C-alpha atoms as a PDB file:
ATOM      1  CA  MET A   1      20.005   7.129  -9.015  1.00  0.00           C
ATOM      2  CA  GLY A   2      23.687   6.281  -8.852  1.00  0.00           C
ATOM      3  CA  GLU A   3      26.715   7.820  -7.112  1.00  0.00           C
ATOM      4  CA  HIS A   4      24.233  10.319  -5.659  1.00  0.00           C
ATOM      5  CA  ASN A   5      23.431  11.626  -9.270  1.00  0.00           C
ATOM      6  CA  LEU A   6      20.543  11.189 -11.582  1.00  0.00           C
ATOM      7  CA  VAL A   7      21.811   8.931 -14.444  1.00  0.00           C
ATOM      8  CA  ALA A   8      20.123   8.070 -17.730  1.00  0.00           C
ATOM      9  CA  ILE A   9      20.951   4.864 -19.298  1.00  0.00           C
ATOM     10  CA  ASP A  10      20.540   3.594 -22.974  1.00  0.00           C
ATOM     11  CA  ILE A  11      18.344   0.483 -22.762  1.00  0.00           C
ATOM     12  CA  ALA A  12      19.758  -0.820 -26.118  1.00  0.00           C
ATOM     13  CA  ASP A  13      23.573  -1.090 -25.215  1.00  0.00           C
ATOM     14  CA  GLY A  14      23.704   0.109 -21.523  1.00  0.00           C
ATOM     15  CA  ASP A  15      25.838   3.099 -22.144  1.00  0.00           C
ATOM     16  CA  ARG A  16      25.630   6.047 -19.719  1.00  0.00           C
ATOM     17  CA  VAL A  17      23.698   8.635 -21.806  1.00  0.00           C
ATOM     18  CA  TRP A  18      23.903  11.572 -19.351  1.00  0.00           C
ATOM     19  CA  THR A  19      24.427  12.402 -15.683  1.00  0.00           C
ATOM     20  CA  ALA A  20      22.703  15.138 -13.991  1.00  0.00           C
ATOM     21  CA  GLY A  21      22.581  16.992 -10.673  1.00  0.00           C
ATOM     22  CA  ARG A  22      23.903  15.689  -7.281  1.00  0.00           C
ATOM     23  CA  PHE A  23      21.305  14.542  -4.745  1.00  0.00           C
ATOM     24  CA  ASP A  24      23.264  13.178  -1.650  1.00  0.00           C
ATOM     25  CA  HIS A  25      20.412  12.800   0.574  1.00  0.00           C
ATOM     26  CA  ALA A  26      17.736  11.529  -1.885  1.00  0.00           C
ATOM     27  CA  THR A  27      15.877   8.635  -0.409  1.00  0.00           C
ATOM     28  CA  SER A  28      13.788   7.529  -3.409  1.00  0.00           C
ATOM     29  CA  GLY A  29      14.358   7.075  -7.115  1.00  0.00           C
ATOM     30  CA  PRO A  30      13.025   9.524  -9.757  1.00  0.00           C
ATOM     31  CA  VAL A  31       9.346   9.682 -10.647  1.00  0.00           C
ATOM     32  CA  VAL A  32       8.734  10.117 -14.305  1.00  0.00           C
ATOM     33  CA  ASP A  33       5.707  12.235 -15.221  1.00  0.00           C
ATOM     34  CA  GLY A  34       5.275  12.967 -19.229  1.00  0.00           C
ATOM     35  CA  ALA A  35       8.671  14.050 -20.381  1.00  0.00           C
ATOM     36  CA  VAL A  36      10.163  14.879 -17.132  1.00  0.00           C
ATOM     37  CA  ALA A  37      11.797  12.871 -14.353  1.00  0.00           C
ATOM     38  CA  VAL A  38      11.572  14.265 -11.004  1.00  0.00           C
ATOM     39  CA  VAL A  39      14.037  13.836  -8.068  1.00  0.00           C
ATOM     40  CA  ALA A  40      14.335  15.517  -4.687  1.00  0.00           C
ATOM     41  CA  ASP A  41      16.485  15.727  -1.548  1.00  0.00           C
ATOM     42  CA  GLU A  42      17.164  19.420  -0.038  1.00  0.00           C
ATOM     43  CA  ARG A  43      16.063  20.596  -3.306  1.00  0.00           C
ATOM     44  CA  ARG A  44      13.707  18.960  -5.975  1.00  0.00           C
ATOM     45  CA  ALA A  45      14.332  19.129  -9.863  1.00  0.00           C
ATOM     46  CA  ALA A  46      13.008  17.902 -12.964  1.00  0.00           C
ATOM     47  CA  TYR A  47      15.149  16.587 -16.046  1.00  0.00           C
ATOM     48  CA  ARG A  48      13.926  16.141 -19.581  1.00  0.00           C
ATOM     49  CA  PRO A  49      15.122  13.300 -21.792  1.00  0.00           C
ATOM     50  CA  ASP A  50      18.208  14.933 -23.012  1.00  0.00           C
ATOM     51  CA  GLY A  51      19.415  15.597 -19.431  1.00  0.00           C
ATOM     52  CA  THR A  52      18.742  19.383 -19.090  1.00  0.00           C
ATOM     53  CA  ALA A  53      17.091  20.720 -16.129  1.00  0.00           C
ATOM     54  CA  ALA A  54      13.333  21.529 -16.671  1.00  0.00           C
ATOM     55  CA  TRP A  55      13.292  23.376 -13.391  1.00  0.00           C
ATOM     56  CA  THR A  56      15.023  23.451  -9.801  1.00  0.00           C
ATOM     57  CA  VAL A  57      13.261  24.552  -6.579  1.00  0.00           C
ATOM     58  CA  ASP A  58      15.390  25.111  -3.457  1.00  0.00           C
ATOM     59  CA  ASP A  59      12.934  26.084  -0.723  1.00  0.00           C
ATOM     60  CA  ASP A  60      11.504  25.054   2.540  1.00  0.00           C
ATOM     61  CA  ASP A  61       9.800  22.027   1.036  1.00  0.00           C
ATOM     62  CA  ARG A  62      12.800  19.741   2.173  1.00  0.00           C
ATOM     63  CA  GLY A  63      12.332  16.067   2.922  1.00  0.00           C
ATOM     64  CA  PHE A  64      10.185  15.564  -0.125  1.00  0.00           C
ATOM     65  CA  ARG A  65      10.101  11.973  -1.280  1.00  0.00           C
ATOM     66  CA  PRO A  66       8.452  11.580  -4.713  1.00  0.00           C
ATOM     67  CA  HIS A  67       6.406   8.217  -5.113  1.00  0.00           C
ATOM     68  CA  ALA A  68       3.702   8.618  -7.852  1.00  0.00           C
ATOM     69  CA  ALA A  69       2.592  10.799 -10.657  1.00  0.00           C
ATOM     70  CA  ILE A  70      -1.166  11.751 -11.444  1.00  0.00           C
ATOM     71  CA  ASP A  71      -2.710  14.585 -13.569  1.00  0.00           C
ATOM     72  CA  GLY A  72       0.550  16.531 -14.084  1.00  0.00           C
ATOM     73  CA  ARG A  73       1.423  16.399 -10.393  1.00  0.00           C
ATOM     74  CA  VAL A  74       4.103  14.390  -8.685  1.00  0.00           C
ATOM     75  CA  VAL A  75       3.056  13.206  -5.174  1.00  0.00           C
ATOM     76  CA  GLY A  76       5.171  12.039  -2.317  1.00  0.00           C
ATOM     77  CA  GLY A  77       5.989  12.129   1.497  1.00  0.00           C
ATOM     78  CA  TYR A  78       6.739  15.265   3.140  1.00  0.00           C
ATOM     79  CA  ASN A  79       7.873  15.826   6.731  1.00  0.00           C
ATOM     80  CA  ARG A  80       7.451  19.543   7.151  1.00  0.00           C
ATOM     81  CA  ALA A  81       4.785  21.567   8.829  1.00  0.00           C
ATOM     82  CA  ASN A  82       2.713  18.568   9.718  1.00  0.00           C
ATOM     83  CA  ALA A  83       2.035  17.869   6.039  1.00  0.00           C
ATOM     84  CA  GLY A  84       2.372  14.151   5.251  1.00  0.00           C
ATOM     85  CA  VAL A  85       1.647  14.198   1.623  1.00  0.00           C
ATOM     86  CA  LEU A  86       2.783  16.797  -0.819  1.00  0.00           C
ATOM     87  CA  ALA A  87       2.012  17.514  -4.352  1.00  0.00           C
ATOM     88  CA  VAL A  88       4.262  19.381  -6.917  1.00  0.00           C
ATOM     89  CA  ASP A  89       3.545  20.550 -10.398  1.00  0.00           C
ATOM     90  CA  ALA A  90       5.367  18.361 -12.815  1.00  0.00           C
ATOM     91  CA  ALA A  91       5.807  21.267 -15.126  1.00  0.00           C
ATOM     92  CA  THR A  92       7.036  24.075 -12.786  1.00  0.00           C
ATOM     93  CA  GLY A  93       8.123  22.090  -9.409  1.00  0.00           C
ATOM     94  CA  ARG A  94       5.629  24.462  -7.490  1.00  0.00           C
ATOM     95  CA  ARG A  95       3.853  23.252  -4.577  1.00  0.00           C
ATOM     96  CA  ARG A  96       0.140  22.361  -5.427  1.00  0.00           C
ATOM     97  CA  TRP A  97      -1.059  21.114  -2.188  1.00  0.00           C
ATOM     98  CA  ALA A  98       0.134  19.549   1.053  1.00  0.00           C
ATOM     99  CA  VAL A  99      -2.224  17.636   3.530  1.00  0.00           C
ATOM    100  CA  THR A 100      -1.899  15.413   6.662  1.00  0.00           C
ATOM    101  CA  PRO A 101      -4.908  12.996   6.834  1.00  0.00           C
ATOM    102  CA  ASP A 102      -6.803  13.055  10.182  1.00  0.00           C
ATOM    103  CA  GLU A 103      -6.117   9.439  11.037  1.00  0.00           C
ATOM    104  CA  TRP A 104      -2.378   9.808  10.679  1.00  0.00           C
ATOM    105  CA  PRO A 105      -0.198   9.973  13.929  1.00  0.00           C
ATOM    106  CA  THR A 106       1.888  13.031  14.438  1.00  0.00           C
ATOM    107  CA  ALA A 107       3.761  12.065  17.744  1.00  0.00           C
ATOM    108  CA  GLY A 108       7.416  12.184  17.327  1.00  0.00           C
ATOM    109  CA  GLY A 109       7.507  14.530  14.270  1.00  0.00           C
ATOM    110  CA  ASN A 110       7.094  11.811  11.675  1.00  0.00           C
ATOM    111  CA  TYR A 111       4.243  12.832   9.542  1.00  0.00           C
ATOM    112  CA  ALA A 112       5.473  11.743   6.028  1.00  0.00           C
ATOM    113  CA  ALA A 113       3.952   9.146   3.573  1.00  0.00           C
ATOM    114  CA  PHE A 114       6.253   6.362   3.360  1.00  0.00           C
ATOM    115  CA  ASP A 115       4.857   5.053  -0.045  1.00  0.00           C
ATOM    116  CA  ALA A 116       2.117   6.156  -2.448  1.00  0.00           C
ATOM    117  CA  VAL A 117       0.555   4.690  -5.498  1.00  0.00           C
ATOM    118  CA  ALA A 118      -1.873   6.257  -8.269  1.00  0.00           C
ATOM    119  CA  THR A 119      -5.225   4.492  -8.554  1.00  0.00           C
ATOM    120  CA  GLY A 120      -8.548   5.314 -10.495  1.00  0.00           C
ATOM    121  CA  GLU A 121      -9.630   7.652  -7.768  1.00  0.00           C
ATOM    122  CA  GLY A 122      -6.279   9.580  -7.288  1.00  0.00           C
ATOM    123  CA  ILE A 123      -3.581   8.407  -5.020  1.00  0.00           C
ATOM    124  CA  VAL A 124      -3.419   6.007  -1.973  1.00  0.00           C
ATOM    125  CA  ALA A 125      -0.642   7.069   0.589  1.00  0.00           C
ATOM    126  CA  ALA A 126       0.663   5.091   3.374  1.00  0.00           C
ATOM    127  CA  HIS A 127       2.118   6.585   6.558  1.00  0.00           C
ATOM    128  CA  PHE A 128       5.414   5.074   7.875  1.00  0.00           C
ATOM    129  CA  ASP A 129       3.366   3.463  10.777  1.00  0.00           C
ATOM    130  CA  GLY A 130       0.675   1.818   8.490  1.00  0.00           C
ATOM    131  CA  PRO A 131      -2.311   4.347   8.317  1.00  0.00           C
ATOM    132  CA  LEU A 132      -3.760   4.872   4.737  1.00  0.00           C
ATOM    133  CA  ALA A 133      -5.385   7.637   3.057  1.00  0.00           C
ATOM    134  CA  GLY A 134      -7.035   8.144  -0.202  1.00  0.00           C
ATOM    135  CA  ILE A 135      -6.351  11.656  -1.889  1.00  0.00           C
ATOM    136  CA  ASP A 136      -7.704  12.984  -5.138  1.00  0.00           C
ATOM    137  CA  ALA A 137      -5.581  14.906  -7.616  1.00  0.00           C
ATOM    138  CA  ILE A 138      -6.552  18.412  -6.099  1.00  0.00           C
ATOM    139  CA  GLY A 139      -5.553  17.321  -2.503  1.00  0.00           C
ATOM    140  CA  ASP A 140      -8.852  16.555  -1.048  1.00  0.00           C
ATOM    141  CA  VAL A 141      -8.671  13.543   1.310  1.00  0.00           C
ATOM    142  CA  LEU A 142     -11.341  10.991   0.221  1.00  0.00           C
ATOM    143  CA  TRP A 143     -10.842   8.640   3.225  1.00  0.00           C
ATOM    144  CA  SER A 144      -8.417   8.074   5.885  1.00  0.00           C
ATOM    145  CA  ILE A 145      -8.003   4.936   8.038  1.00  0.00           C
ATOM    146  CA  ASP A 146      -5.952   3.460  10.791  1.00  0.00           C
ATOM    147  CA  ASP A 147      -7.470   0.071  11.485  1.00  0.00           C
ATOM    148  CA  ASP A 148      -4.465  -1.775  12.721  1.00  0.00           C
ATOM    149  CA  TRP A 149      -4.170  -3.944   9.633  1.00  0.00           C
ATOM    150  CA  ASP A 150      -0.544  -4.390  10.102  1.00  0.00           C
ATOM    151  CA  THR A 151      -0.625  -5.465  13.947  1.00  0.00           C
ATOM    152  CA  HIS A 152       2.634  -7.386  13.690  1.00  0.00           C
ATOM    153  CA  GLY A 153       4.726  -5.036  11.234  1.00  0.00           C
ATOM    154  CA  PRO A 154       7.590  -2.771  11.734  1.00  0.00           C
ATOM    155  CA  GLY A 155       6.252  -0.018   9.691  1.00  0.00           C
ATOM    156  CA  ARG A 156       7.509   0.992   6.395  1.00  0.00           C
ATOM    157  CA  PRO A 157       4.790  -0.456   4.400  1.00  0.00           C
ATOM    158  CA  SER A 158       4.978  -1.110   0.642  1.00  0.00           C
ATOM    159  CA  LEU A 159       1.955  -0.497  -1.710  1.00  0.00           C
ATOM    160  CA  ALA A 160       0.742  -1.545  -5.037  1.00  0.00           C
ATOM    161  CA  ALA A 161      -2.337  -1.211  -6.911  1.00  0.00           C
ATOM    162  CA  ASP A 162      -4.616  -1.604  -9.886  1.00  0.00           C
ATOM    163  CA  VAL A 163      -7.353   0.706 -10.764  1.00  0.00           C
ATOM    164  CA  SER A 164      -9.792  -0.331  -7.948  1.00  0.00           C
ATOM    165  CA  THR A 165      -7.733  -2.224  -5.336  1.00  0.00           C
ATOM    166  CA  VAL A 166      -4.802  -1.213  -3.214  1.00  0.00           C
ATOM    167  CA  VAL A 167      -2.631  -3.714  -1.479  1.00  0.00           C
ATOM    168  CA  ALA A 168      -0.428  -2.782   1.465  1.00  0.00           C
ATOM    169  CA  ALA A 169       2.306  -5.004   2.891  1.00  0.00           C
ATOM    170  CA  SER A 170       4.587  -4.940   5.870  1.00  0.00           C
ATOM    171  CA  GLY A 171       4.225  -7.555   8.722  1.00  0.00           C
ATOM    172  CA  ALA A 172       0.688  -8.526   7.093  1.00  0.00           C
ATOM    173  CA  VAL A 173      -0.724  -8.118   3.701  1.00  0.00           C
ATOM    174  CA  ALA A 174      -4.092  -6.429   3.073  1.00  0.00           C
ATOM    175  CA  GLY A 175      -6.428  -5.471   0.318  1.00  0.00           C
ATOM    176  CA  PHE A 176      -8.401  -2.131   0.295  1.00  0.00           C
ATOM    177  CA  ASP A 177     -11.121  -0.615  -1.735  1.00  0.00           C
ATOM    178  CA  ALA A 178      -9.369   2.239  -3.583  1.00  0.00           C
ATOM    179  CA  ALA A 179     -12.375   4.465  -3.526  1.00  0.00           C
ATOM    180  CA  THR A 180     -13.425   3.970  -0.044  1.00  0.00           C
ATOM    181  CA  GLY A 181     -10.622   2.401   2.004  1.00  0.00           C
ATOM    182  CA  GLU A 182     -12.813  -0.511   3.080  1.00  0.00           C
ATOM    183  CA  ARG A 183     -10.591  -3.446   3.876  1.00  0.00           C
ATOM    184  CA  ARG A 184     -11.731  -6.272   1.692  1.00  0.00           C
ATOM    185  CA  TRP A 185      -9.127  -8.887   3.231  1.00  0.00           C
ATOM    186  CA  ARG A 186      -6.148  -9.259   5.409  1.00  0.00           C
ATOM    187  CA  ARG A 187      -3.399 -12.059   5.982  1.00  0.00           C
ATOM    188  CA  VAL A 188      -0.618 -12.396   8.423  1.00  0.00           C
ATOM    189  CA  LEU A 189       2.621 -12.904   6.561  1.00  0.00           C
ATOM    190  CA  PRO A 190       5.165 -15.521   7.947  1.00  0.00           C
ATOM    191  CA  ASP A 191       7.865 -12.833   7.931  1.00  0.00           C
ATOM    192  CA  PHE A 192       8.159  -9.115   7.086  1.00  0.00           C
ATOM    193  CA  ALA A 193       7.504  -7.895   3.452  1.00  0.00           C
ATOM    194  CA  THR A 194      10.396  -6.432   1.351  1.00  0.00           C
ATOM    195  CA  GLY A 195       7.915  -5.379  -1.265  1.00  0.00           C
ATOM    196  CA  VAL A 196       4.599  -5.986  -3.149  1.00  0.00           C
ATOM    197  CA  THR A 197       3.314  -5.944  -6.763  1.00  0.00           C
ATOM    198  CA  VAL A 198       0.065  -6.536  -8.509  1.00  0.00           C
ATOM    199  CA  ALA A 199      -0.426  -8.174 -11.793  1.00  0.00           C
ATOM    200  CA  ASN A 200      -3.145 -10.163 -13.615  1.00  0.00           C
ATOM    201  CA  GLY A 201      -5.479 -10.261 -10.521  1.00  0.00           C
ATOM    202  CA  VAL A 202      -2.915 -11.346  -8.138  1.00  0.00           C
ATOM    203  CA  ALA A 203      -0.924  -9.519  -5.308  1.00  0.00           C
ATOM    204  CA  VAL A 204       2.584 -10.942  -5.067  1.00  0.00           C
ATOM    205  CA  VAL A 205       4.610 -10.384  -1.818  1.00  0.00           C
ATOM    206  CA  SER A 206       8.419 -10.932  -1.278  1.00  0.00           C
ATOM    207  CA  VAL A 207       9.215 -11.943   2.351  1.00  0.00           C
ATOM    208  CA  GLU A 208      12.463 -11.865   4.209  1.00  0.00           C
ATOM    209  CA  GLY A 209      13.485 -14.640   6.540  1.00  0.00           C
ATOM    210  CA  ASP A 210      15.881 -13.351   8.914  1.00  0.00           C
ATOM    211  CA  THR A 211      13.698 -11.475  11.266  1.00  0.00           C
ATOM    212  CA  PRO A 212      12.410 -13.368  14.309  1.00  0.00           C
ATOM    213  CA  LYS A 213       8.516 -13.721  14.254  1.00  0.00           C
ATOM    214  CA  VAL A 214       6.249 -15.907  16.153  1.00  0.00           C
ATOM    215  CA  ASP A 215       4.735 -17.361  12.981  1.00  0.00           C
ATOM    216  CA  SER A 216       8.089 -17.536  11.027  1.00  0.00           C
ATOM    217  CA  TRP A 217       8.250 -20.019   8.429  1.00  0.00           C
ATOM    218  CA  ASP A 218      11.881 -20.727   8.997  1.00  0.00           C
ATOM    219  CA  GLU A 219      12.952 -20.082   5.517  1.00  0.00           C
ATOM    220  CA  PRO A 220      15.760 -17.633   4.346  1.00  0.00           C
ATOM    221  CA  GLY A 221      13.125 -15.771   2.198  1.00  0.00           C
ATOM    222  CA  GLY A 222      10.307 -16.395  -0.501  1.00  0.00           C
ATOM    223  CA  VAL A 223       7.470 -15.150  -2.434  1.00  0.00           C
ATOM    224  CA  ILE A 224       3.611 -15.553  -1.773  1.00  0.00           C
ATOM    225  CA  ALA A 225       0.881 -14.895  -4.173  1.00  0.00           C
ATOM    226  CA  TYR A 226      -2.696 -13.821  -3.169  1.00  0.00           C
ATOM    227  CA  ASP A 227      -5.911 -13.379  -5.041  1.00  0.00           C
ATOM    228  CA  LEU A 228      -6.341  -9.683  -5.271  1.00  0.00           C
ATOM    229  CA  ALA A 229     -10.191  -9.841  -5.019  1.00  0.00           C
ATOM    230  CA  THR A 230     -10.401 -12.423  -1.981  1.00  0.00           C
ATOM    231  CA  GLY A 231      -6.966 -12.562  -0.409  1.00  0.00           C
ATOM    232  CA  ALA A 232      -6.901 -16.317  -0.825  1.00  0.00           C
ATOM    233  CA  GLU A 233      -3.532 -17.692  -1.171  1.00  0.00           C
ATOM    234  CA  ARG A 234      -2.565 -18.808  -4.607  1.00  0.00           C
ATOM    235  CA  TRP A 235       0.739 -20.207  -3.983  1.00  0.00           C
ATOM    236  CA  ARG A 236       4.021 -19.755  -1.870  1.00  0.00           C
ATOM    237  CA  THR A 237       7.538 -20.594  -3.002  1.00  0.00           C
ATOM    238  CA  PRO A 238      10.264 -20.772  -0.240  1.00  0.00           C
ATOM    239  CA  LEU A 239      13.683 -19.368  -1.628  1.00  0.00           C
ATOM    240  CA  ASP A 240      17.286 -19.901  -0.431  1.00  0.00           C
ATOM    241  CA  ALA A 241      17.907 -16.217   0.252  1.00  0.00           C
ATOM    242  CA  PRO A 242      16.192 -13.163   1.331  1.00  0.00           C
ATOM    243  CA  ALA A 243      14.075 -11.739  -1.666  1.00  0.00           C
ATOM    244  CA  ALA A 244      13.980  -8.183  -2.747  1.00  0.00           C
ATOM    245  CA  ALA A 245      10.899  -6.433  -3.983  1.00  0.00           C
ATOM    246  CA  PRO A 246       9.070  -8.373  -6.621  1.00  0.00           C
ATOM    247  CA  GLY A 247       8.388  -7.300 -10.159  1.00  0.00           C
ATOM    248  CA  THR A 248       7.383  -8.942 -13.681  1.00  0.00           C
ATOM    249  CA  GLY A 249       9.112  -9.379 -16.902  1.00  0.00           C
ATOM    250  CA  LEU A 250      10.087 -12.068 -19.296  1.00  0.00           C
ATOM    251  CA  GLY A 251       6.685 -13.515 -18.691  1.00  0.00           C
ATOM    252  CA  SER A 252       7.479 -14.373 -15.097  1.00  0.00           C
ATOM    253  CA  VAL A 253       7.193 -12.935 -11.622  1.00  0.00           C
ATOM    254  CA  VAL A 254      10.847 -11.987 -10.921  1.00  0.00           C
ATOM    255  CA  VAL A 255      12.640 -11.494  -7.628  1.00  0.00           C
ATOM    256  CA  GLY A 256      16.217 -10.413  -7.021  1.00  0.00           C
ATOM    257  CA  MET A 257      18.165 -12.164  -4.330  1.00  0.00           C
ATOM    258  CA  GLU A 258      20.904 -10.782  -1.822  1.00  0.00           C
ATOM    259  CA  ALA A 259      23.087 -13.639  -3.389  1.00  0.00           C
ATOM    260  CA  GLY A 260      23.295 -11.696  -6.647  1.00  0.00           C
ATOM    261  CA  THR A 261      20.698 -13.944  -8.667  1.00  0.00           C
ATOM    262  CA  LEU A 262      17.428 -13.132 -10.382  1.00  0.00           C
ATOM    263  CA  VAL A 263      14.747 -15.795  -9.994  1.00  0.00           C
ATOM    264  CA  GLY A 264      11.695 -16.245 -12.461  1.00  0.00           C
ATOM    265  CA  LEU A 265       8.568 -17.791 -11.034  1.00  0.00           C
ATOM    266  CA  ASP A 266       5.547 -19.130 -12.902  1.00  0.00           C
ATOM    267  CA  ARG A 267       2.655 -16.623 -12.494  1.00  0.00           C
ATOM    268  CA  GLU A 268       0.172 -19.418 -12.047  1.00  0.00           C
ATOM    269  CA  ASP A 269       1.834 -21.676  -9.545  1.00  0.00           C
ATOM    270  CA  GLY A 270       4.974 -20.026  -8.435  1.00  0.00           C
ATOM    271  CA  ALA A 271       7.361 -22.883  -9.646  1.00  0.00           C
ATOM    272  CA  VAL A 272      10.909 -21.745 -10.305  1.00  0.00           C
ATOM    273  CA  GLU A 273      11.152 -21.423 -14.150  1.00  0.00           C
ATOM    274  CA  TRP A 274      14.565 -19.851 -14.285  1.00  0.00           C
ATOM    275  CA  ARG A 275      17.612 -18.378 -12.403  1.00  0.00           C
ATOM    276  CA  ARG A 276      20.239 -16.005 -13.967  1.00  0.00           C
ATOM    277  CA  PRO A 277      23.243 -14.659 -11.985  1.00  0.00           C
ATOM    278  CA  VAL A 278      23.623 -10.867 -12.197  1.00  0.00           C
ATOM    279  CA  GLY A 279      26.874 -10.879  -9.871  1.00  0.00           C
ATOM    280  CA  ASP A 280      25.735  -8.522  -7.172  1.00  0.00           C
ATOM    281  CA  ALA A 281      23.103  -8.104  -4.583  1.00  0.00           C
ATOM    282  CA  VAL A 282      19.629  -6.958  -6.029  1.00  0.00           C
ATOM    283  CA  HIS A 283      17.989  -4.083  -4.127  1.00  0.00           C
ATOM    284  CA  THR A 284      15.439  -2.923  -6.631  1.00  0.00           C
ATOM    285  CA  PRO A 285      12.217  -4.524  -8.197  1.00  0.00           C
ATOM    286  CA  PRO A 286      12.929  -5.606 -11.702  1.00  0.00           C
ATOM    287  CA  VAL A 287      10.917  -3.986 -14.418  1.00  0.00           C
ATOM    288  CA  GLY A 288      10.464  -4.890 -18.027  1.00  0.00           C
ATOM    289  CA  GLY A 289       8.207  -6.534 -20.598  1.00  0.00           C
ATOM    290  CA  SER A 290       7.976  -9.902 -22.418  1.00  0.00           C
ATOM    291  CA  ASP A 291      11.420  -9.708 -23.977  1.00  0.00           C
ATOM    292  CA  GLN A 292      13.622  -7.717 -21.763  1.00  0.00           C
ATOM    293  CA  LEU A 293      14.092  -7.124 -18.090  1.00  0.00           C
ATOM    294  CA  PHE A 294      16.075  -4.378 -16.268  1.00  0.00           C
ATOM    295  CA  VAL A 295      17.210  -4.452 -12.614  1.00  0.00           C
ATOM    296  CA  GLY A 296      19.502  -2.240 -10.392  1.00  0.00           C
ATOM    297  CA  VAL A 297      22.285  -3.902  -8.466  1.00  0.00           C
ATOM    298  CA  ARG A 298      24.816  -2.281  -6.094  1.00  0.00           C
ATOM    299  CA  ARG A 299      28.436  -2.731  -7.503  1.00  0.00           C
ATOM    300  CA  ASP A 300      31.523  -1.240  -6.084  1.00  0.00           C
ATOM    301  CA  GLY A 301      29.494   1.245  -3.930  1.00  0.00           C
ATOM    302  CA  THR A 302      27.502   2.457  -6.887  1.00  0.00           C
ATOM    303  CA  VAL A 303      24.309   1.443  -8.692  1.00  0.00           C
ATOM    304  CA  ALA A 304      24.497  -0.510 -11.939  1.00  0.00           C
ATOM    305  CA  VAL A 305      21.744  -1.429 -14.387  1.00  0.00           C
ATOM    306  CA  VAL A 306      21.550  -5.033 -15.665  1.00  0.00           C
ATOM    307  CA  ARG A 307      19.484  -6.001 -18.763  1.00  0.00           C
ATOM    308  CA  LEU A 308      18.443  -9.500 -19.430  1.00  0.00           C
ATOM    309  CA  ASP A 309      16.879 -10.717 -22.827  1.00  0.00           C
ATOM    310  CA  ARG A 310      14.698 -13.657 -23.318  1.00  0.00           C
END
């Protein structure tokens, strides 16, 4: 998203291919399912690769925040009629199902899923205050828990997953069985998480350093890696500025810094392998492969995409 519009960028040369729609109140980026990108604010819409609209729906399902795609459905948070999780048909935009898991608090009118990820069983969604739920593709709640895993957290949990394990991060980080919701491990973080990613059997968490916390490590920011199966700490790397959500690319764990730098860390031990300036504060997790990396930065009040090559 950029300038409140959905924008397509050519990955070869960075040119803007098309701009579609205007979504002044969108609170999440688009979710791609098959050949469409779905975005929402007061309405929801899907766009094809050429920028033409596949569908637009403007109805009472306002507040939809798309997060994940599974089996032709786009799933996300929804804060209307006590429905915390909403799924819409990626082909038509029509509502397929909406549910509020039993363990989710409803006081104060905040029912919405703050994040959701696809797993081998369906999706796992996280409430703003921390409770989690596993939901299958047709909207049946498989499990729902509120085990206070995030005792020290401020809410707003981030999720990441492989096929069988879901990792949630906020003031603590915890690993859960995607099929049953059973908590496998939990570790208190030294400061609040800004994001989490899972790769090669490791959960990698970025943490900030400017929020007072009893067990703060007195660092401006950093990254900590945990074994996905056991929660054992693999490595931790303090950094000289708050780190944005982590990603992977160019063979490294990559985090963006508020100071306008991308940092590549060794996946095995967290050692700093490289630093590259991108000119502006990084607010999105980097994405890419072994040869290219893409990251969004905020520039002159808009969002720009930066490509780095190996």
